Amino acid sequence: MRLQRYVVILHCYNICNEKTEYEGWKHVLTPSPPMINPDSFKQAMSLFASGVTVVTTLHQRQPIGITASSFSSLSLEPPLVLVSLSKRLFTHRVIEESGVFAVNVLSAYQQELGMRFAGMVPGVADRFAGLKITSSVTGCPLLPDCLAWVDCTVWASYDGGDHTIFVGQVQDVYAGETDIPLLYHNRLWRRSESLAEPTLPAAATLIEVGPRDGLQTQAKFVPTSLKVEMIRQMAAAGLKRIQVTSFVHPRLVPQMADAEQVCAQLPQVEGVVYNALVLNMKGLERAYAAGLTHVDMGVPASETLSQKNANYTIAQGMEQMAAMVAYAHERGMTVRGGVQTAFGCVYEGEIERNKVVQMARQFLALGVDELSLADSAGLGNPNQVRRLVQEILPLAGPTPVVLHLHDTRGMGLANGLSALKSGITHFDTSFGGLGGCPFIAGAKGNIPTEDTAYMLHQMGIGTGVDIKGVAAASRQIAAFLEQELPGKIYQLEE
């Protein structure tokens, strides 16, 4: 059969793990390699072409492993594969000495494993710890539950300047039935998707912000008693996290002038957490005095909005956030800190993604308990949301990331779905889609709680939200305000 040749080269990034003795791990080296099934080899290589791979080898009987971004076939007869390793890598020398290596392709559900072998999980000295590794012909460690692997002896090597190109002759190959590889490109972890197994979570958390964001721009003052009743109805409808008010100057936001009175009358419901928005230290002190244990704070990625919203520059805002986070944590409060106007500003236009990423890094360095990204002006689009989310999530690690989406231009739910498929499971929503920002011209409401819950339920994603209960509350506030709300489902759910 005619040789099939390709030119894609695999680049390996991270040094090996610390050496550890693995007692009882044995392999049997067969005298001659088995015949390789061409169909199995081609199936395995079709997965390697785009998936994240882990190259493994042996050093003094110790398993060694590093991540790689791509992999390719060099020949079908004989079955040859090609890898390229930097000469700076310890693994480079090990493969030269051992003459063997294996390449394992990871599935879409093995992101943690990929990050571990990429050296992105802090405190992990032994990357093989807890894994039930096996081996085949060469004895190189093979990772569990991978989509595919090839086990190779070094057939030839070529000097590539600062790297060496190793050509491996395949001694054994495995290709599973599934075909959903884990992807990594341009510093973004990605998951490919098939129709049979969509990359969607089983559940999502909706955080009700209607009592604050929903009401803050209303000219007609909503009595404290009605605000508290709205909060009670949200809790009864299954919302476990509710933003009840904001502690801002009443001259700037008259609707929030009764923040202390609202907090004093909050219904105590088991499992329900109340929080409030604070813009400065004075607001944080008021929230603490009012008995709240959870607060939200943030800084716009737009200098113009930062001045309009809080009368400080972004740099001054981040400096103030550091003091506020410390103050809150010293008093046992949990903090959600975030980047506002992360997807665009009506005053400055497009916001550079790197600027948002840098601000997110600063918030994470402050030790916030949650990180939020807000499309305050409703300028985001699904592709933009996907790209930013997939860059932020690996940085956040175990810190939850919350998306705050406005539906100003009708793309709120589309943006939410894009974020959901990229790994976000926490979303701010507002009953009936009510809301807006008093400092952003034209800003409209958040994505509606009922509409979001309906979409998720139809997709088989649980929220614990009683749509009918939320819809009833939306109709009540719509009647009081004498206006039709932006949401759709509240008008259908009687």
Protein backbone atom coordinates (compact mmCIF):
# COMPACT_ATOMS: atom_id res chain seq x y z
CA MET A 1 0.00 0.00 0.00
CA ARG A 2 1.25 3.50 -0.83
CA LEU A 3 2.65 5.45 2.14
CA GLN A 4 0.34 8.12 3.54
CA ARG A 5 2.35 11.11 4.82
CA TYR A 6 1.32 14.12 6.93
CA VAL A 7 3.14 17.14 8.25
CA VAL A 8 1.39 18.03 11.56
CA ILE A 9 3.88 18.01 14.43
CA LEU A 10 3.10 17.45 18.10
CA HIS A 11 4.52 20.07 20.49
CA CYS A 12 5.00 19.10 24.15
CA TYR A 13 4.90 21.83 26.77
CA ASN A 14 5.53 20.71 30.34
CA ILE A 15 8.25 18.90 32.21
CA CYS A 16 7.68 15.48 33.77
CA ASN A 17 6.29 14.76 37.19
CA GLU A 18 8.43 13.99 40.22
CA LYS A 19 9.79 10.44 40.21
CA THR A 20 7.86 8.02 42.43
CA GLU A 21 8.33 4.31 43.09
CA TYR A 22 5.39 2.22 41.87
CA GLU A 23 5.52 -1.12 43.65
CA GLY A 24 3.75 -4.07 42.07
CA TRP A 25 3.35 -2.48 38.63
CA LYS A 26 4.58 -5.02 36.11
CA HIS A 27 4.50 -5.47 32.38
CA VAL A 28 5.46 -8.26 30.05
CA LEU A 29 7.61 -7.39 27.02
CA THR A 30 6.58 -9.67 24.17
CA PRO A 31 9.34 -10.93 21.87
CA SER A 32 7.80 -9.44 18.74
CA PRO A 33 5.11 -6.80 18.23
CA PRO A 34 1.64 -7.92 17.13
CA MET A 35 0.33 -7.14 13.67
CA ILE A 36 -1.32 -3.71 13.65
CA ASN A 37 -4.83 -3.55 12.24
CA PRO A 38 -4.78 -0.70 9.66
CA ASP A 39 -8.40 0.24 10.41
CA SER A 40 -7.73 0.51 14.15
CA PHE A 41 -4.61 2.56 13.48
CA LYS A 42 -6.47 4.98 11.20
CA GLN A 43 -9.34 5.28 13.71
CA ALA A 44 -6.89 6.08 16.51
CA MET A 45 -5.08 8.65 14.40
CA SER A 46 -8.35 10.38 13.47
CA LEU A 47 -8.79 11.12 17.18
CA PHE A 48 -5.19 12.20 17.75
CA ALA A 49 -5.40 14.76 14.95
CA SER A 50 -7.21 17.34 17.11
CA GLY A 51 -7.31 15.99 20.66
CA VAL A 52 -5.20 16.79 23.71
CA THR A 53 -2.64 14.04 24.22
CA VAL A 54 -0.37 12.90 27.03
CA VAL A 55 3.02 11.47 26.03
CA THR A 56 4.29 8.88 28.51
CA THR A 57 7.55 7.00 28.85
CA LEU A 58 9.74 5.31 31.49
CA HIS A 59 12.75 6.52 33.47
CA GLN A 60 14.36 3.92 35.73
CA ARG A 61 11.01 2.08 35.89
CA GLN A 62 9.22 5.30 36.86
CA PRO A 63 6.29 6.58 34.75
CA ILE A 64 6.86 9.99 33.17
CA GLY A 65 4.20 12.10 31.40
CA ILE A 66 3.64 15.48 29.74
CA THR A 67 0.79 17.05 27.76
CA ALA A 68 0.83 17.82 24.05
CA SER A 69 -1.45 19.76 21.73
CA SER A 70 -1.66 17.56 18.62
CA PHE A 71 -0.40 14.36 17.08
CA SER A 72 -0.12 12.88 13.59
CA SER A 73 0.64 9.82 11.55
CA LEU A 74 3.70 9.68 9.32
CA SER A 75 3.13 6.34 7.63
CA LEU A 76 0.62 3.51 7.46
CA GLU A 77 2.94 0.74 6.24
CA PRO A 78 4.76 0.40 8.55
CA PRO A 79 2.58 2.29 11.09
CA LEU A 80 4.75 5.24 12.10
CA VAL A 81 3.87 8.28 14.23
CA LEU A 82 5.71 11.53 14.81
CA VAL A 83 6.32 13.65 17.90
CA SER A 84 8.49 16.73 18.40
CA LEU A 85 9.95 17.48 21.84
CA SER A 86 11.88 20.50 23.04
CA LYS A 87 15.43 19.64 24.05
CA ARG A 88 14.77 21.55 27.30
CA LEU A 89 12.32 18.88 28.45
CA PHE A 90 13.48 16.14 30.80
CA THR A 91 11.21 13.79 28.86
CA HIS A 92 13.28 14.46 25.74
CA ARG A 93 16.35 12.88 27.34
CA VAL A 94 14.30 10.03 28.83
CA ILE A 95 12.89 9.00 25.45
CA GLU A 96 16.38 9.11 23.97
CA GLU A 97 17.59 6.80 26.74
CA SER A 98 14.60 4.44 26.94
CA GLY A 99 13.81 4.24 23.23
CA VAL A 100 10.07 3.93 23.94
CA PHE A 101 7.04 6.18 24.33
CA ALA A 102 3.25 6.01 24.27
CA VAL A 103 0.71 8.70 23.36
CA ASN A 104 -2.73 8.81 25.04
CA VAL A 105 -5.58 10.94 23.67
CA LEU A 106 -7.92 12.38 26.32
CA SER A 107 -11.70 12.49 26.14
CA ALA A 108 -13.85 15.60 26.57
CA TYR A 109 -14.50 14.57 30.18
CA GLN A 110 -10.83 14.40 31.20
CA GLN A 111 -10.01 18.11 31.42
CA GLU A 112 -8.75 17.74 35.00
CA LEU A 113 -6.36 15.02 33.83
CA GLY A 114 -5.14 17.19 30.99
CA MET A 115 -4.56 20.14 33.34
CA ARG A 116 -2.71 17.86 35.76
CA PHE A 117 -0.25 16.65 33.13
CA ALA A 118 0.08 20.23 31.85
CA GLY A 119 1.29 21.29 35.30
CA MET A 120 -1.76 23.53 35.83
CA VAL A 121 -3.01 21.91 39.07
CA PRO A 122 -1.17 23.48 42.05
CA GLY A 123 0.35 21.17 44.62
CA VAL A 124 0.42 18.05 42.44
CA ALA A 125 3.87 16.46 42.64
CA ASP A 126 2.91 13.05 41.25
CA ARG A 127 0.76 13.33 38.14
CA PHE A 128 0.07 9.56 38.12
CA ALA A 129 -1.23 9.47 41.71
CA GLY A 130 -4.51 7.58 41.98
CA LEU A 131 -4.56 6.50 38.32
CA LYS A 132 -4.97 2.85 37.41
CA ILE A 133 -2.30 2.83 34.76
CA THR A 134 -1.65 -0.19 32.57
CA SER A 135 0.93 -1.02 29.91
CA SER A 136 1.30 -2.94 26.68
CA VAL A 137 4.30 -4.03 24.62
CA THR A 138 6.93 -1.44 25.58
CA GLY A 139 5.90 -1.03 29.22
CA CYS A 140 5.09 2.68 28.85
CA PRO A 141 2.22 3.74 31.13
CA LEU A 142 -1.19 3.94 29.47
CA LEU A 143 -3.79 6.23 31.06
CA PRO A 144 -7.27 4.93 31.98
CA ASP A 145 -10.47 5.80 30.07
CA CYS A 146 -8.66 7.42 27.15
CA LEU A 147 -10.22 7.61 23.71
CA ALA A 148 -7.19 5.97 22.13
CA TRP A 149 -3.49 5.28 22.56
CA VAL A 150 -0.46 4.08 20.58
CA ASP A 151 2.49 2.25 22.12
CA CYS A 152 5.77 2.85 20.25
CA THR A 153 9.46 2.11 20.02
CA VAL A 154 11.71 4.86 18.64
CA TRP A 155 12.22 4.08 14.93
CA ALA A 156 14.29 7.17 14.09
CA SER A 157 15.08 10.66 15.39
CA TYR A 158 16.04 13.90 13.67
CA ASP A 159 17.66 17.10 14.92
CA GLY A 160 15.22 20.00 14.65
CA GLY A 161 17.35 22.73 16.21
CA ASP A 162 15.89 23.43 19.66
CA HIS A 163 13.82 20.23 19.46
CA THR A 164 14.12 16.64 18.32
CA ILE A 165 11.67 14.88 16.02
CA PHE A 166 11.05 11.34 17.22
CA VAL A 167 9.50 8.84 14.82
CA GLY A 168 7.88 5.95 16.62
CA GLN A 169 7.02 2.54 15.19
CA VAL A 170 3.65 1.49 16.60
CA GLN A 171 3.82 -1.76 18.58
CA ASP A 172 0.21 -1.74 19.76
CA VAL A 173 -2.81 0.50 19.30
CA TYR A 174 -6.21 1.04 20.90
CA ALA A 175 -9.18 3.10 19.67
CA GLY A 176 -12.41 3.22 21.68
CA GLU A 177 -15.98 3.57 20.52
CA THR A 178 -16.48 7.19 21.64
CA ASP A 179 -15.28 10.12 19.58
CA ILE A 180 -15.39 13.23 21.77
CA PRO A 181 -11.81 14.45 22.31
CA LEU A 182 -10.66 17.13 24.73
CA LEU A 183 -9.27 20.11 22.84
CA TYR A 184 -6.69 22.73 23.77
CA HIS A 185 -5.80 25.62 21.48
CA ASN A 186 -4.48 29.14 21.98
CA ARG A 187 -4.48 28.72 25.77
CA LEU A 188 -8.16 27.68 25.74
CA TRP A 189 -9.50 24.34 26.95
CA ARG A 190 -12.31 23.23 24.67
CA ARG A 191 -14.64 20.27 24.38
CA SER A 192 -15.87 19.04 21.05
CA GLU A 193 -19.47 17.95 20.93
CA SER A 194 -21.48 15.20 19.31
CA LEU A 195 -25.25 15.13 18.99
CA ALA A 196 -25.43 11.90 20.96
CA GLU A 197 -23.49 13.25 23.95
CA PRO A 198 -23.80 17.05 24.20
CA THR A 199 -21.32 18.78 26.47
CA LEU A 200 -23.95 20.16 28.85
CA PRO A 201 -24.18 19.93 32.64
CA ALA A 202 -26.93 18.03 34.45
CA ALA A 203 -27.86 21.09 36.54
CA ALA A 204 -27.40 24.86 36.66
CA THR A 205 -27.80 27.45 39.42
CA LEU A 206 -29.96 30.53 38.84
CA ILE A 207 -29.26 33.50 41.12
CA GLU A 208 -32.25 35.82 41.41
CA VAL A 209 -31.25 39.50 41.11
CA GLY A 210 -34.70 40.96 40.41
CA PRO A 211 -35.20 42.60 43.82
CA ARG A 212 -32.05 44.66 43.16
CA ASP A 213 -31.17 44.82 39.46
CA GLY A 214 -34.79 44.38 38.40
CA LEU A 215 -36.17 47.25 40.45
CA GLN A 216 -33.30 49.75 40.68
CA THR A 217 -34.22 51.75 37.56
CA GLN A 218 -37.97 51.91 38.22
CA ALA A 219 -39.27 55.46 38.70
CA LYS A 220 -42.28 54.30 40.71
CA PHE A 221 -41.07 53.45 44.21
CA VAL A 222 -41.81 49.88 45.20
CA PRO A 223 -42.83 49.69 48.87
CA THR A 224 -40.54 47.77 51.19
CA SER A 225 -43.35 45.33 52.00
CA LEU A 226 -43.79 44.45 48.30
CA LYS A 227 -40.05 44.01 47.83
CA VAL A 228 -39.97 41.61 50.76
CA GLU A 229 -42.98 39.77 49.35
CA MET A 230 -41.19 39.37 46.00
CA ILE A 231 -38.19 37.93 47.83
CA ARG A 232 -40.44 35.55 49.77
CA GLN A 233 -42.06 34.34 46.55
CA MET A 234 -38.66 33.78 44.90
CA ALA A 235 -37.54 31.67 47.86
CA ALA A 236 -40.80 29.72 47.76
CA ALA A 237 -40.25 29.07 44.05
CA GLY A 238 -36.94 27.33 44.75
CA LEU A 239 -34.41 30.14 44.21
CA LYS A 240 -31.66 29.45 46.75
CA ARG A 241 -29.62 32.60 46.13
CA ILE A 242 -31.31 36.00 45.98
CA GLN A 243 -29.77 39.46 45.63
CA VAL A 244 -32.08 41.54 47.78
CA THR A 245 -30.81 45.13 47.48
CA SER A 246 -27.81 47.39 46.97
CA PHE A 247 -26.18 49.71 49.47
CA VAL A 248 -25.72 52.85 47.42
CA HIS A 249 -26.42 56.53 48.01
CA PRO A 250 -30.22 57.06 47.86
CA ARG A 251 -29.75 60.20 45.78
CA LEU A 252 -28.13 58.12 43.01
CA VAL A 253 -30.50 55.14 43.21
CA PRO A 254 -33.68 56.18 45.07
CA GLN A 255 -35.29 52.75 44.65
CA MET A 256 -32.65 51.24 46.98
CA ALA A 257 -33.10 53.83 49.75
CA ASP A 258 -34.75 51.23 52.01
CA ALA A 259 -31.87 48.70 51.91
CA GLU A 260 -31.62 48.36 55.72
CA GLN A 261 -35.40 48.00 56.09
CA VAL A 262 -35.52 45.25 53.45
CA CYS A 263 -32.71 43.32 55.16
CA ALA A 264 -34.43 43.61 58.54
CA GLN A 265 -37.58 41.94 57.17
CA LEU A 266 -36.02 39.13 55.10
CA PRO A 267 -37.84 35.80 55.55
CA GLN A 268 -35.61 33.14 57.08
CA VAL A 269 -35.82 30.14 54.76
CA GLU A 270 -33.55 27.13 55.20
CA GLY A 271 -30.97 26.84 52.43
CA VAL A 272 -31.63 30.32 51.01
CA VAL A 273 -28.71 32.76 50.88
CA TYR A 274 -29.27 36.51 50.61
CA ASN A 275 -26.71 38.95 49.26
CA ALA A 276 -26.45 42.61 48.30
CA LEU A 277 -24.42 44.72 45.89
CA VAL A 278 -21.89 47.13 47.39
CA LEU A 279 -19.91 49.71 45.42
CA ASN A 280 -17.55 51.05 48.08
CA MET A 281 -16.38 50.59 51.65
CA LYS A 282 -19.26 52.64 53.04
CA GLY A 283 -21.76 50.35 51.32
CA LEU A 284 -19.91 47.26 52.58
CA GLU A 285 -19.99 48.58 56.15
CA ARG A 286 -23.74 49.18 55.83
CA ALA A 287 -24.29 45.65 54.49
CA TYR A 288 -22.36 44.14 57.38
CA ALA A 289 -24.26 46.25 59.91
CA ALA A 290 -27.53 45.09 58.30
CA GLY A 291 -26.60 41.47 59.04
CA LEU A 292 -25.76 40.23 55.56
CA THR A 293 -23.03 37.60 55.24
CA HIS A 294 -22.72 37.62 51.44
CA VAL A 295 -21.85 40.62 49.24
CA ASP A 296 -21.23 41.29 45.55
CA MET A 297 -18.78 43.91 44.32
CA GLY A 298 -17.11 44.74 41.03
CA VAL A 299 -15.24 47.15 38.82
CA PRO A 300 -16.13 48.04 35.21
CA ALA A 301 -13.61 47.24 32.49
CA SER A 302 -14.55 50.66 31.05
CA GLU A 303 -12.88 53.78 32.46
CA THR A 304 -15.87 55.88 31.42
CA LEU A 305 -18.42 53.70 33.20
CA SER A 306 -16.16 53.37 36.22
CA GLN A 307 -16.26 57.15 36.60
CA LYS A 308 -20.04 57.30 36.05
CA ASN A 309 -20.78 54.30 38.27
CA ALA A 310 -18.46 54.88 41.23
CA ASN A 311 -16.40 58.01 40.51
CA TYR A 312 -13.03 56.27 40.39
CA THR A 313 -10.59 54.92 37.82
CA ILE A 314 -10.22 51.20 37.20
CA ALA A 315 -6.88 51.18 39.04
CA GLN A 316 -8.41 53.00 42.00
CA GLY A 317 -11.36 50.64 41.90
CA MET A 318 -9.16 47.53 42.07
CA GLU A 319 -7.21 49.07 44.94
CA GLN A 320 -10.47 49.68 46.77
CA MET A 321 -11.62 46.10 46.03
CA ALA A 322 -8.53 44.75 47.79
CA ALA A 323 -9.41 46.64 50.96
CA MET A 324 -13.07 45.64 50.73
CA VAL A 325 -12.35 41.92 50.19
CA ALA A 326 -10.02 41.96 53.19
CA TYR A 327 -12.62 43.78 55.33
CA ALA A 328 -15.35 41.29 54.38
CA HIS A 329 -13.24 38.18 54.91
CA GLU A 330 -12.05 39.44 58.30
CA ARG A 331 -15.72 39.50 59.32
CA GLY A 332 -16.60 36.08 57.96
CA MET A 333 -18.42 37.35 54.88
CA THR A 334 -18.20 35.67 51.48
CA VAL A 335 -17.40 37.85 48.49
CA ARG A 336 -18.34 37.70 44.84
CA GLY A 337 -16.08 40.01 42.88
CA GLY A 338 -16.31 40.63 39.21
CA VAL A 339 -15.67 42.49 36.02
CA GLN A 340 -18.53 44.68 34.79
CA THR A 341 -18.97 45.62 31.10
CA ALA A 342 -16.79 42.59 30.33
CA PHE A 343 -18.28 42.23 26.85
CA GLY A 344 -18.53 45.83 25.72
CA CYS A 345 -19.39 49.37 26.79
CA VAL A 346 -21.88 51.80 25.24
CA TYR A 347 -19.44 54.64 25.90
CA GLU A 348 -16.15 53.02 24.84
CA GLY A 349 -17.30 50.25 22.52
CA GLU A 350 -15.39 46.96 22.39
CA ILE A 351 -13.49 45.94 25.51
CA GLU A 352 -10.22 44.09 24.91
CA ARG A 353 -10.42 40.50 26.11
CA ASN A 354 -6.93 40.63 27.59
CA LYS A 355 -8.01 43.56 29.77
CA VAL A 356 -10.90 41.54 31.19
CA VAL A 357 -8.65 38.53 31.74
CA GLN A 358 -6.12 40.66 33.61
CA MET A 359 -8.83 42.12 35.86
CA ALA A 360 -10.18 38.61 36.51
CA ARG A 361 -6.68 37.52 37.53
CA GLN A 362 -6.53 40.44 39.97
CA PHE A 363 -9.86 39.50 41.56
CA LEU A 364 -8.76 35.86 41.88
CA ALA A 365 -5.50 36.97 43.47
CA LEU A 366 -7.55 38.87 46.07
CA GLY A 367 -9.14 35.56 47.08
CA VAL A 368 -12.75 36.25 46.07
CA ASP A 369 -15.08 33.34 46.76
CA GLU A 370 -16.73 33.72 43.36
CA LEU A 371 -15.82 35.52 40.16
CA SER A 372 -18.46 37.20 38.01
CA LEU A 373 -18.42 38.44 34.42
CA ALA A 374 -21.13 40.95 33.57
CA ASP A 375 -22.49 41.91 30.16
CA SER A 376 -23.82 45.09 31.74
CA ALA A 377 -24.73 46.77 28.44
CA GLY A 378 -25.99 43.64 26.65
CA LEU A 379 -23.37 43.97 23.90
CA GLY A 380 -22.00 40.43 24.02
CA ASN A 381 -22.50 37.75 21.38
CA PRO A 382 -22.28 33.95 21.74
CA ASN A 383 -18.87 33.60 20.11
CA GLN A 384 -17.42 36.39 22.23
CA VAL A 385 -18.88 34.83 25.39
CA ARG A 386 -17.45 31.42 24.49
CA ARG A 387 -13.95 32.74 23.90
CA LEU A 388 -13.80 34.77 27.12
CA VAL A 389 -15.34 32.04 29.27
CA GLN A 390 -12.98 29.38 27.96
CA GLU A 391 -10.01 31.60 28.77
CA ILE A 392 -11.25 32.52 32.25
CA LEU A 393 -12.34 29.08 33.52
CA PRO A 394 -8.86 27.49 33.63
CA LEU A 395 -7.59 30.54 35.52
CA ALA A 396 -10.44 30.38 38.03
CA GLY A 397 -9.81 26.72 38.88
CA PRO A 398 -12.12 25.76 41.78
CA THR A 399 -13.48 29.31 42.13
CA PRO A 400 -17.03 29.38 40.67
CA VAL A 401 -17.60 31.76 37.75
CA VAL A 402 -20.99 33.49 37.46
CA LEU A 403 -22.32 35.12 34.31
CA HIS A 404 -24.48 38.24 34.58
CA LEU A 405 -26.23 38.77 31.24
CA HIS A 406 -28.47 41.58 30.06
CA ASP A 407 -30.85 41.04 27.16
CA THR A 408 -30.65 44.56 25.73
CA ARG A 409 -30.21 43.34 22.14
CA GLY A 410 -32.10 40.06 22.38
CA MET A 411 -29.03 37.81 22.68
CA GLY A 412 -29.21 37.09 26.41
CA LEU A 413 -30.38 33.47 26.26
CA ALA A 414 -28.14 32.71 23.28
CA ASN A 415 -25.19 34.04 25.26
CA GLY A 416 -26.27 31.98 28.26
CA LEU A 417 -26.42 28.80 26.17
CA SER A 418 -22.97 29.52 24.73
CA ALA A 419 -21.58 29.96 28.25
CA LEU A 420 -23.35 26.82 29.45
CA LYS A 421 -21.74 24.75 26.70
CA SER A 422 -18.37 26.27 27.63
CA GLY A 423 -18.58 25.19 31.26
CA ILE A 424 -20.52 27.93 33.13
CA THR A 425 -23.23 26.66 35.49
CA HIS A 426 -24.10 29.82 37.50
CA PHE A 427 -26.22 32.62 36.02
CA ASP A 428 -27.82 35.79 37.36
CA THR A 429 -31.46 36.11 36.28
CA SER A 430 -34.32 38.49 37.05
CA PHE A 431 -38.04 37.73 37.40
CA GLY A 432 -39.88 38.72 34.23
CA GLY A 433 -36.64 40.02 32.69
CA LEU A 434 -36.99 43.25 34.65
CA GLY A 435 -33.89 45.37 35.11
CA GLY A 436 -31.28 47.75 33.78
CA CYS A 437 -28.45 49.97 34.94
CA PRO A 438 -29.03 53.62 35.90
CA PHE A 439 -25.52 54.50 34.69
CA ILE A 440 -25.69 52.83 31.24
CA ALA A 441 -27.77 54.49 28.55
CA GLY A 442 -30.27 52.09 27.01
CA ALA A 443 -29.43 49.13 29.24
CA LYS A 444 -32.37 46.75 29.53
CA GLY A 445 -33.22 43.86 31.81
CA ASN A 446 -31.41 40.69 32.76
CA ILE A 447 -32.26 37.37 31.18
CA PRO A 448 -35.66 36.40 32.68
CA THR A 449 -35.65 33.81 35.45
CA GLU A 450 -38.70 32.00 34.04
CA ASP A 451 -37.45 32.00 30.45
CA THR A 452 -34.01 30.74 31.46
CA ALA A 453 -35.43 28.01 33.67
CA TYR A 454 -37.85 26.97 30.92
CA MET A 455 -35.06 26.69 28.34
CA LEU A 456 -32.90 24.66 30.70
CA HIS A 457 -35.73 22.35 31.74
CA GLN A 458 -36.61 21.69 28.10
CA MET A 459 -32.99 20.66 27.57
CA GLY A 460 -33.08 18.30 30.53
CA ILE A 461 -30.97 20.55 32.79
CA GLY A 462 -32.26 20.88 36.35
CA THR A 463 -32.54 24.18 38.22
CA GLY A 464 -34.89 23.43 41.11
CA VAL A 465 -36.95 26.48 40.09
CA ASP A 466 -40.77 26.42 40.07
CA ILE A 467 -41.51 28.36 36.88
CA LYS A 468 -45.18 28.91 37.75
CA GLY A 469 -44.21 30.41 41.11
CA VAL A 470 -41.79 32.88 39.56
CA ALA A 471 -44.28 33.74 36.81
CA ALA A 472 -46.95 34.58 39.39
CA ALA A 473 -44.58 37.00 41.13
CA SER A 474 -43.68 38.60 37.79
CA ARG A 475 -47.35 39.19 36.98
CA GLN A 476 -47.84 40.76 40.42
CA ILE A 477 -44.97 43.25 40.00
CA ALA A 478 -46.02 43.96 36.41
CA ALA A 479 -49.49 44.89 37.64
CA PHE A 480 -48.05 47.16 40.33
CA LEU A 481 -45.71 48.90 37.89
CA GLU A 482 -48.46 49.05 35.26
CA GLN A 483 -46.14 47.85 32.54
CA GLU A 484 -45.42 44.76 30.47
CA LEU A 485 -42.19 43.03 31.42
CA PRO A 486 -39.64 41.88 28.81
CA GLY A 487 -40.02 38.19 29.67
CA LYS A 488 -42.22 35.78 27.72
CA ILE A 489 -42.92 32.74 29.86
CA TYR A 490 -44.56 34.70 32.71
CA GLN A 491 -47.34 35.64 30.27
CA LEU A 492 -47.97 31.97 29.45
CA GLU A 493 -47.68 30.26 32.84
CA GLU A 494 -51.01 30.78 34.61
